C-alpha atoms as a PDB file:
ATOM      1  CA  MET A   1       0.000   0.000   0.000  1.00  0.00           C
ATOM      2  CA  SER A   2       1.369   3.475  -0.908  1.00  0.00           C
ATOM      3  CA  GLN A   3       1.911   6.152   1.728  1.00  0.00           C
ATOM      4  CA  ALA A   4      -0.985   8.194   0.293  1.00  0.00           C
ATOM      5  CA  ALA A   5      -3.341   5.222   0.264  1.00  0.00           C
ATOM      6  CA  PHE A   6      -2.293   4.429   3.811  1.00  0.00           C
ATOM      7  CA  ALA A   7      -3.289   7.959   4.793  1.00  0.00           C
ATOM      8  CA  CYS A   8      -6.817   7.437   3.349  1.00  0.00           C
ATOM      9  CA  ALA A   9      -7.274   4.094   5.066  1.00  0.00           C
ATOM     10  CA  ASP A  10      -6.234   5.247   8.507  1.00  0.00           C
ATOM     11  CA  HIS A  11      -6.440   8.842   9.688  1.00  0.00           C
ATOM     12  CA  GLY A  12      -5.216   7.809  13.137  1.00  0.00           C
ATOM     13  CA  ARG A  13      -1.910   8.035  14.887  1.00  0.00           C
ATOM     14  CA  ALA A  14      -0.090   5.440  12.807  1.00  0.00           C
ATOM     15  CA  TRP A  15      -0.046   7.338   9.519  1.00  0.00           C
ATOM     16  CA  ARG A  16       0.919  10.601  11.234  1.00  0.00           C
ATOM     17  CA  VAL A  17       3.892   8.821  12.784  1.00  0.00           C
ATOM     18  CA  ALA A  18       4.912   7.303   9.464  1.00  0.00           C
ATOM     19  CA  LEU A  19       4.606  10.440   7.370  1.00  0.00           C
ATOM     20  CA  PHE A  20       5.569  13.279   9.657  1.00  0.00           C
ATOM     21  CA  ALA A  21       9.235  12.425   9.427  1.00  0.00           C
ATOM     22  CA  VAL A  22       9.128  12.345   5.625  1.00  0.00           C
ATOM     23  CA  THR A  23       7.065  15.347   4.505  1.00  0.00           C
ATOM     24  CA  ALA A  24       4.787  18.122   5.765  1.00  0.00           C
ATOM     25  CA  SER A  25       1.947  17.251   3.411  1.00  0.00           C
ATOM     26  CA  ILE A  26       0.883  14.551   0.955  1.00  0.00           C
ATOM     27  CA  VAL A  27      -1.718  14.371  -1.769  1.00  0.00           C
ATOM     28  CA  SER A  28      -4.571  12.121  -0.773  1.00  0.00           C
ATOM     29  CA  ALA A  29      -5.295   9.405  -3.332  1.00  0.00           C
ATOM     30  CA  CYS A  30      -9.020   9.619  -2.385  1.00  0.00           C
ATOM     31  CA  SER A  31      -9.793  13.321  -2.804  1.00  0.00           C
ATOM     32  CA  GLY A  32      -6.717  14.847  -4.396  1.00  0.00           C
ATOM     33  CA  SER A  33      -6.590  17.436  -1.590  1.00  0.00           C
ATOM     34  CA  PRO A  34      -3.564  18.036   0.596  1.00  0.00           C
ATOM     35  CA  VAL A  35      -3.421  16.220   3.877  1.00  0.00           C
ATOM     36  CA  ALA A  36      -1.390  18.021   6.525  1.00  0.00           C
ATOM     37  CA  PRO A  37      -0.402  15.726   9.389  1.00  0.00           C
ATOM     38  CA  THR A  38      -0.581  17.191  12.869  1.00  0.00           C
ATOM     39  CA  PRO A  39       2.742  17.099  14.667  1.00  0.00           C
ATOM     40  CA  LEU A  40       2.743  14.738  17.592  1.00  0.00           C
ATOM     41  CA  PRO A  41       3.808  15.825  21.031  1.00  0.00           C
ATOM     42  CA  SER A  42       7.515  15.233  21.454  1.00  0.00           C
ATOM     43  CA  SER A  43       6.820  12.440  23.933  1.00  0.00           C
ATOM     44  CA  ASP A  44       4.821  10.505  21.300  1.00  0.00           C
ATOM     45  CA  ARG A  45       7.240  10.892  18.422  1.00  0.00           C
ATOM     46  CA  PRO A  46       9.327   7.878  17.444  1.00  0.00           C
ATOM     47  CA  PRO A  47      13.037   8.205  18.227  1.00  0.00           C
ATOM     48  CA  VAL A  48      15.113   9.518  15.345  1.00  0.00           C
ATOM     49  CA  PRO A  49      18.224   7.392  14.862  1.00  0.00           C
ATOM     50  CA  PRO A  50      21.465   9.390  14.982  1.00  0.00           C
ATOM     51  CA  VAL A  51      23.198  10.101  11.692  1.00  0.00           C
ATOM     52  CA  LEU A  52      26.680   8.599  11.896  1.00  0.00           C
ATOM     53  CA  VAL A  53      29.258  10.657  10.017  1.00  0.00           C
ATOM     54  CA  VAL A  54      32.452   8.710   9.306  1.00  0.00           C
ATOM     55  CA  PRO A  55      35.431  11.107   9.364  1.00  0.00           C
ATOM     56  CA  ARG A  56      37.594  11.319   6.274  1.00  0.00           C
ATOM     57  CA  ILE A  57      41.055  12.721   5.734  1.00  0.00           C
ATOM     58  CA  ALA A  58      42.395  14.467   2.630  1.00  0.00           C
ATOM     59  CA  ARG A  59      45.770  12.672   2.603  1.00  0.00           C
ATOM     60  CA  THR A  60      46.255   8.921   2.955  1.00  0.00           C
ATOM     61  CA  ARG A  61      49.952   8.216   2.214  1.00  0.00           C
ATOM     62  CA  PHE A  62      52.497   9.374   4.791  1.00  0.00           C
ATOM     63  CA  LEU A  63      56.271   8.914   4.937  1.00  0.00           C
ATOM     64  CA  ALA A  64      58.112   9.293   8.236  1.00  0.00           C
ATOM     65  CA  PHE A  65      61.810   9.716   7.453  1.00  0.00           C
ATOM     66  CA  GLY A  66      64.772  10.019   9.788  1.00  0.00           C
ATOM     67  CA  ASP A  67      67.044   8.184  12.194  1.00  0.00           C
ATOM     68  CA  SER A  68      66.387   6.013  15.263  1.00  0.00           C
ATOM     69  CA  LEU A  69      63.942   8.532  16.719  1.00  0.00           C
ATOM     70  CA  THR A  70      61.798   8.042  13.620  1.00  0.00           C
ATOM     71  CA  GLY A  71      62.384   4.294  13.534  1.00  0.00           C
ATOM     72  CA  GLY A  72      61.302   3.982  17.150  1.00  0.00           C
ATOM     73  CA  THR A  73      64.343   2.854  19.158  1.00  0.00           C
ATOM     74  CA  THR A  74      63.250   2.980  22.787  1.00  0.00           C
ATOM     75  CA  SER A  75      65.089   3.480  26.041  1.00  0.00           C
ATOM     76  CA  PRO A  76      63.706   1.948  29.229  1.00  0.00           C
ATOM     77  CA  ALA A  77      62.584   4.209  32.008  1.00  0.00           C
ATOM     78  CA  ASN A  78      63.823   2.173  34.988  1.00  0.00           C
ATOM     79  CA  HIS A  79      67.238   0.723  34.169  1.00  0.00           C
ATOM     80  CA  ASP A  80      70.361   1.861  32.427  1.00  0.00           C
ATOM     81  CA  ASP A  81      70.486   2.078  28.636  1.00  0.00           C
ATOM     82  CA  GLY A  82      69.278  -0.519  26.125  1.00  0.00           C
ATOM     83  CA  CYS A  83      67.289  -0.281  22.915  1.00  0.00           C
ATOM     84  CA  GLY A  84      63.970  -1.889  22.193  1.00  0.00           C
ATOM     85  CA  ALA A  85      61.224  -2.482  19.704  1.00  0.00           C
ATOM     86  CA  THR A  86      60.269  -0.284  16.814  1.00  0.00           C
ATOM     87  CA  HIS A  87      57.303   1.961  17.425  1.00  0.00           C
ATOM     88  CA  VAL A  88      55.611   2.901  14.154  1.00  0.00           C
ATOM     89  CA  VAL A  89      53.840   6.225  14.367  1.00  0.00           C
ATOM     90  CA  SER A  90      50.473   5.772  12.654  1.00  0.00           C
ATOM     91  CA  VAL A  91      47.612   8.046  11.728  1.00  0.00           C
ATOM     92  CA  GLN A  92      45.396   4.975  12.044  1.00  0.00           C
ATOM     93  CA  ALA A  93      45.727   4.790  15.804  1.00  0.00           C
ATOM     94  CA  PRO A  94      44.844   8.078  17.496  1.00  0.00           C
ATOM     95  CA  GLY A  95      44.442   6.530  20.937  1.00  0.00           C
ATOM     96  CA  PRO A  96      42.374   4.057  22.959  1.00  0.00           C
ATOM     97  CA  SER A  97      39.363   4.576  20.702  1.00  0.00           C
ATOM     98  CA  GLY A  98      41.239   2.917  17.818  1.00  0.00           C
ATOM     99  CA  ARG A  99      41.063   3.853  14.169  1.00  0.00           C
ATOM    100  CA  ARG A 100      39.313   7.077  13.229  1.00  0.00           C
ATOM    101  CA  TYR A 101      39.249   6.850   9.416  1.00  0.00           C
ATOM    102  CA  THR A 102      37.534   3.503   9.168  1.00  0.00           C
ATOM    103  CA  ASP A 103      36.493   3.686   5.519  1.00  0.00           C
ATOM    104  CA  GLN A 104      39.881   4.756   4.140  1.00  0.00           C
ATOM    105  CA  ALA A 105      43.111   2.839   3.649  1.00  0.00           C
ATOM    106  CA  ILE A 106      45.763   4.893   5.432  1.00  0.00           C
ATOM    107  CA  GLU A 107      49.414   4.068   4.718  1.00  0.00           C
ATOM    108  CA  MET A 108      52.250   5.213   6.977  1.00  0.00           C
ATOM    109  CA  PHE A 109      55.720   4.278   5.711  1.00  0.00           C
ATOM    110  CA  ASN A 110      58.392   4.345   8.408  1.00  0.00           C
ATOM    111  CA  GLU A 111      61.813   4.949   6.884  1.00  0.00           C
ATOM    112  CA  GLY A 112      63.693   5.550  10.117  1.00  0.00           C
ATOM    113  CA  LYS A 113      67.273   4.220  10.127  1.00  0.00           C
ATOM    114  CA  GLY A 114      69.075   3.979  13.429  1.00  0.00           C
ATOM    115  CA  GLY A 115      72.480   5.680  13.641  1.00  0.00           C
ATOM    116  CA  GLU A 116      72.125   7.455  10.310  1.00  0.00           C
ATOM    117  CA  ALA A 117      73.629  10.882   9.807  1.00  0.00           C
ATOM    118  CA  ALA A 118      71.506  13.478   8.034  1.00  0.00           C
ATOM    119  CA  GLU A 119      74.225  13.719   5.379  1.00  0.00           C
ATOM    120  CA  ASP A 120      73.538  10.083   4.495  1.00  0.00           C
ATOM    121  CA  GLY A 121      69.798  10.635   4.830  1.00  0.00           C
ATOM    122  CA  VAL A 122      69.916  13.182   2.015  1.00  0.00           C
ATOM    123  CA  LEU A 123      71.315  10.469  -0.265  1.00  0.00           C
ATOM    124  CA  ARG A 124      68.774   7.859   0.860  1.00  0.00           C
ATOM    125  CA  PHE A 125      65.763  10.176   0.724  1.00  0.00           C
ATOM    126  CA  PRO A 126      65.061  10.217  -3.058  1.00  0.00           C
ATOM    127  CA  GLY A 127      64.827   6.421  -3.139  1.00  0.00           C
ATOM    128  CA  ALA A 128      62.324   6.424  -0.274  1.00  0.00           C
ATOM    129  CA  MET A 129      60.263   9.079  -2.036  1.00  0.00           C
ATOM    130  CA  GLN A 130      60.218   7.071  -5.234  1.00  0.00           C
ATOM    131  CA  ALA A 131      59.376   3.790  -3.502  1.00  0.00           C
ATOM    132  CA  ASP A 132      56.665   5.095  -1.175  1.00  0.00           C
ATOM    133  CA  ALA A 133      55.161   7.944  -3.250  1.00  0.00           C
ATOM    134  CA  PRO A 134      53.913   9.806  -0.161  1.00  0.00           C
ATOM    135  CA  GLU A 135      51.497  12.719  -0.110  1.00  0.00           C
ATOM    136  CA  VAL A 136      52.936  13.960   3.197  1.00  0.00           C
ATOM    137  CA  VAL A 137      56.559  13.689   4.391  1.00  0.00           C
ATOM    138  CA  ILE A 138      57.365  13.842   8.109  1.00  0.00           C
ATOM    139  CA  LEU A 139      61.034  14.660   8.820  1.00  0.00           C
ATOM    140  CA  LEU A 140      62.716  13.943  12.171  1.00  0.00           C
ATOM    141  CA  HIS A 141      66.439  13.797  11.516  1.00  0.00           C
ATOM    142  CA  GLY A 142      69.862  15.148  12.454  1.00  0.00           C
ATOM    143  CA  VAL A 143      70.371  14.319  16.122  1.00  0.00           C
ATOM    144  CA  ASN A 144      73.398  12.074  15.416  1.00  0.00           C
ATOM    145  CA  ASP A 145      75.195  14.776  13.434  1.00  0.00           C
ATOM    146  CA  VAL A 146      74.602  17.470  16.037  1.00  0.00           C
ATOM    147  CA  SER A 147      75.451  15.228  18.967  1.00  0.00           C
ATOM    148  CA  PHE A 148      78.907  14.481  17.527  1.00  0.00           C
ATOM    149  CA  GLY A 149      79.531  17.683  15.588  1.00  0.00           C
ATOM    150  CA  GLY A 150      78.533  20.215  18.201  1.00  0.00           C
ATOM    151  CA  ALA A 151      77.192  23.726  17.735  1.00  0.00           C
ATOM    152  CA  ARG A 152      79.273  24.477  14.637  1.00  0.00           C
ATOM    153  CA  SER A 153      77.528  21.620  12.788  1.00  0.00           C
ATOM    154  CA  ILE A 154      74.016  23.003  13.307  1.00  0.00           C
ATOM    155  CA  PRO A 155      73.744  25.163  10.134  1.00  0.00           C
ATOM    156  CA  ARG A 156      75.063  22.313   7.984  1.00  0.00           C
ATOM    157  CA  VAL A 157      72.720  19.693   9.498  1.00  0.00           C
ATOM    158  CA  ALA A 158      69.697  21.977   9.324  1.00  0.00           C
ATOM    159  CA  GLY A 159      70.637  22.478   5.672  1.00  0.00           C
ATOM    160  CA  TYR A 160      70.382  18.747   5.085  1.00  0.00           C
ATOM    161  CA  VAL A 161      66.870  18.729   6.531  1.00  0.00           C
ATOM    162  CA  GLN A 162      65.991  21.727   4.383  1.00  0.00           C
ATOM    163  CA  SER A 163      67.312  19.907   1.303  1.00  0.00           C
ATOM    164  CA  MET A 164      65.041  16.931   2.028  1.00  0.00           C
ATOM    165  CA  ALA A 165      62.073  19.215   2.655  1.00  0.00           C
ATOM    166  CA  ARG A 166      62.657  21.015  -0.632  1.00  0.00           C
ATOM    167  CA  ASP A 167      63.052  17.735  -2.511  1.00  0.00           C
ATOM    168  CA  ALA A 168      59.738  16.507  -1.074  1.00  0.00           C
ATOM    169  CA  ARG A 169      57.937  19.709  -2.053  1.00  0.00           C
ATOM    170  CA  GLN A 170      59.317  19.563  -5.579  1.00  0.00           C
ATOM    171  CA  ARG A 171      57.900  16.055  -5.853  1.00  0.00           C
ATOM    172  CA  GLY A 172      54.460  17.339  -4.852  1.00  0.00           C
ATOM    173  CA  ALA A 173      54.378  16.254  -1.188  1.00  0.00           C
ATOM    174  CA  ASP A 174      53.456  18.344   1.832  1.00  0.00           C
ATOM    175  CA  VAL A 175      56.181  18.569   4.462  1.00  0.00           C
ATOM    176  CA  ILE A 176      56.081  18.353   8.252  1.00  0.00           C
ATOM    177  CA  ILE A 177      59.322  19.129  10.122  1.00  0.00           C
ATOM    178  CA  CYS A 178      59.663  17.835  13.677  1.00  0.00           C
ATOM    179  CA  THR A 179      61.933  19.264  16.326  1.00  0.00           C
ATOM    180  CA  GLU A 180      63.983  16.845  18.401  1.00  0.00           C
ATOM    181  CA  PRO A 181      62.520  15.704  21.722  1.00  0.00           C
ATOM    182  CA  PRO A 182      64.437  17.090  24.707  1.00  0.00           C
ATOM    183  CA  HIS A 183      67.497  15.229  26.007  1.00  0.00           C
ATOM    184  CA  ARG A 184      67.863  14.091  29.593  1.00  0.00           C
ATOM    185  CA  ALA A 185      71.181  15.429  30.902  1.00  0.00           C
ATOM    186  CA  GLY A 186      73.516  12.723  32.220  1.00  0.00           C
ATOM    187  CA  GLY A 187      72.173   9.903  30.030  1.00  0.00           C
ATOM    188  CA  SER A 188      74.753   7.785  28.247  1.00  0.00           C
ATOM    189  CA  ARG A 189      73.585   8.964  24.823  1.00  0.00           C
ATOM    190  CA  ALA A 190      72.377  12.434  25.680  1.00  0.00           C
ATOM    191  CA  ALA A 191      73.788  15.530  24.051  1.00  0.00           C
ATOM    192  CA  ASP A 192      73.942  18.840  25.851  1.00  0.00           C
ATOM    193  CA  PRO A 193      70.274  19.917  26.148  1.00  0.00           C
ATOM    194  CA  ALA A 194      71.286  23.467  25.177  1.00  0.00           C
ATOM    195  CA  LEU A 195      72.808  22.101  21.947  1.00  0.00           C
ATOM    196  CA  ILE A 196      69.561  20.303  21.080  1.00  0.00           C
ATOM    197  CA  SER A 197      67.569  23.464  21.780  1.00  0.00           C
ATOM    198  CA  ALA A 198      69.853  25.414  19.443  1.00  0.00           C
ATOM    199  CA  TYR A 199      69.380  22.811  16.705  1.00  0.00           C
ATOM    200  CA  ASN A 200      65.619  22.942  17.199  1.00  0.00           C
ATOM    201  CA  ARG A 201      65.653  26.716  16.729  1.00  0.00           C
ATOM    202  CA  ALA A 202      67.367  26.135  13.398  1.00  0.00           C
ATOM    203  CA  LEU A 203      64.716  23.563  12.441  1.00  0.00           C
ATOM    204  CA  ARG A 204      61.958  26.045  13.234  1.00  0.00           C
ATOM    205  CA  ASP A 205      63.629  28.493  10.855  1.00  0.00           C
ATOM    206  CA  VAL A 206      63.802  25.806   8.166  1.00  0.00           C
ATOM    207  CA  ALA A 207      60.081  25.093   8.572  1.00  0.00           C
ATOM    208  CA  ILE A 208      59.291  28.775   8.080  1.00  0.00           C
ATOM    209  CA  ALA A 209      61.599  29.069   5.067  1.00  0.00           C
ATOM    210  CA  GLU A 210      60.077  26.019   3.374  1.00  0.00           C
ATOM    211  CA  GLY A 211      56.461  26.729   4.285  1.00  0.00           C
ATOM    212  CA  ALA A 212      56.360  23.446   6.198  1.00  0.00           C
ATOM    213  CA  GLN A 213      54.163  22.486   9.116  1.00  0.00           C
ATOM    214  CA  LEU A 214      56.132  22.365  12.380  1.00  0.00           C
ATOM    215  CA  VAL A 215      55.583  19.693  15.024  1.00  0.00           C
ATOM    216  CA  ASP A 216      57.391  20.881  18.128  1.00  0.00           C
ATOM    217  CA  PHE A 217      58.283  17.760  20.103  1.00  0.00           C
ATOM    218  CA  GLU A 218      60.739  19.730  22.248  1.00  0.00           C
ATOM    219  CA  ALA A 219      57.932  21.871  23.634  1.00  0.00           C
ATOM    220  CA  MET A 220      55.369  19.073  23.946  1.00  0.00           C
ATOM    221  CA  VAL A 221      57.322  16.099  25.320  1.00  0.00           C
ATOM    222  CA  ASP A 222      58.492  16.316  28.929  1.00  0.00           C
ATOM    223  CA  LEU A 223      61.664  14.761  30.345  1.00  0.00           C
ATOM    224  CA  GLY A 224      59.675  12.133  32.198  1.00  0.00           C
ATOM    225  CA  LEU A 225      59.034  10.496  28.808  1.00  0.00           C
ATOM    226  CA  ILE A 226      62.726  10.283  27.865  1.00  0.00           C
ATOM    227  CA  GLY A 227      64.404   7.004  28.780  1.00  0.00           C
ATOM    228  CA  SER A 228      67.479   6.348  30.863  1.00  0.00           C
ATOM    229  CA  ASP A 229      69.898   6.748  27.949  1.00  0.00           C
ATOM    230  CA  GLY A 230      68.892  10.414  27.818  1.00  0.00           C
ATOM    231  CA  LEU A 231      68.197  10.361  24.071  1.00  0.00           C
ATOM    232  CA  HIS A 232      65.466   7.891  23.137  1.00  0.00           C
ATOM    233  CA  PRO A 233      61.905   8.152  24.458  1.00  0.00           C
ATOM    234  CA  THR A 234      60.228   5.404  26.429  1.00  0.00           C
ATOM    235  CA  GLU A 235      57.266   3.556  24.950  1.00  0.00           C
ATOM    236  CA  ASP A 236      55.026   6.116  26.667  1.00  0.00           C
ATOM    237  CA  GLY A 237      57.152   8.852  25.146  1.00  0.00           C
ATOM    238  CA  TYR A 238      56.607   7.516  21.650  1.00  0.00           C
ATOM    239  CA  ALA A 239      52.894   7.183  22.362  1.00  0.00           C
ATOM    240  CA  ARG A 240      52.849  10.855  23.304  1.00  0.00           C
ATOM    241  CA  MET A 241      54.723  11.786  20.132  1.00  0.00           C
ATOM    242  CA  ALA A 242      52.326   9.713  18.047  1.00  0.00           C
ATOM    243  CA  GLN A 243      49.344  11.500  19.587  1.00  0.00           C
ATOM    244  CA  ILE A 244      50.895  14.918  18.938  1.00  0.00           C
ATOM    245  CA  LEU A 245      51.547  13.977  15.332  1.00  0.00           C
ATOM    246  CA  PHE A 246      48.075  12.505  14.879  1.00  0.00           C
ATOM    247  CA  ASP A 247      46.446  15.663  16.240  1.00  0.00           C
ATOM    248  CA  THR A 248      48.493  17.733  13.793  1.00  0.00           C
ATOM    249  CA  LEU A 249      47.484  15.582  10.826  1.00  0.00           C
ATOM    250  CA  ARG A 250      43.843  15.569  11.897  1.00  0.00           C
ATOM    251  CA  HIS A 251      43.640  19.337  12.250  1.00  0.00           C
ATOM    252  CA  ARG A 252      45.475  19.924   8.979  1.00  0.00           C
ATOM    253  CA  TYR A 253      43.871  17.328   6.740  1.00  0.00           C
ATOM    254  CA  GLU A 254      40.559  16.102   8.140  1.00  0.00           C
ATOM    255  CA  LEU A 255      37.683  16.995   5.828  1.00  0.00           C
ATOM    256  CA  ALA A 256      34.668  18.883   7.104  1.00  0.00           C
ATOM    257  CA  PRO A 257      31.558  16.678   7.352  1.00  0.00           C
END
């Protein structure tokens, strides 16, 4: 039976419930005159199911490129030194709630290489770009160079990061430059915290010069999340970094519903 015919057959509550949610008036099949249903009191109206909007993001291929801090080498919080499992930063996992972009295939390529100098990273970077074809490049690199080369190496190392950022942009990718997390003074692998802060100031300048998004891990990661070696974060530290990065990507690329 059609909705109009149903209205002719029963002018009671049932047809008003069925039709009120669809239209304000229908044409009666019996008389051809408009039939205007009377709105029910709110207590009598059927519940309206919520409309579920699945979030979507404008970029789906991400490349994280750098050294052991990108690769995810961990340092334990409670005993001296040691390196652990690889923690892959992923836009798929924003936190305890799990995946946010459930109807999209998100790819995060982790090209972190422990112990690599930024000078060598510049040579490796084009191959990673060609292999992974990312839409967004996330750079966290240079701590090894600065730790061994000292303050005089900072302009040169920042230049390597700038070269990679420029290469990525010329290949059509957006660029995110990350500052180094803070170092815990006295750790076996820690550099002078003032040296790391100076390098991070140079990275902020590179981000401005290249029109890149800056993710400031130095300002957002506290020393309690840096492991006993003074350089590498703990697992909780990497989780914090992942959340900071995810929030940045969400705010920059999530599409309006």
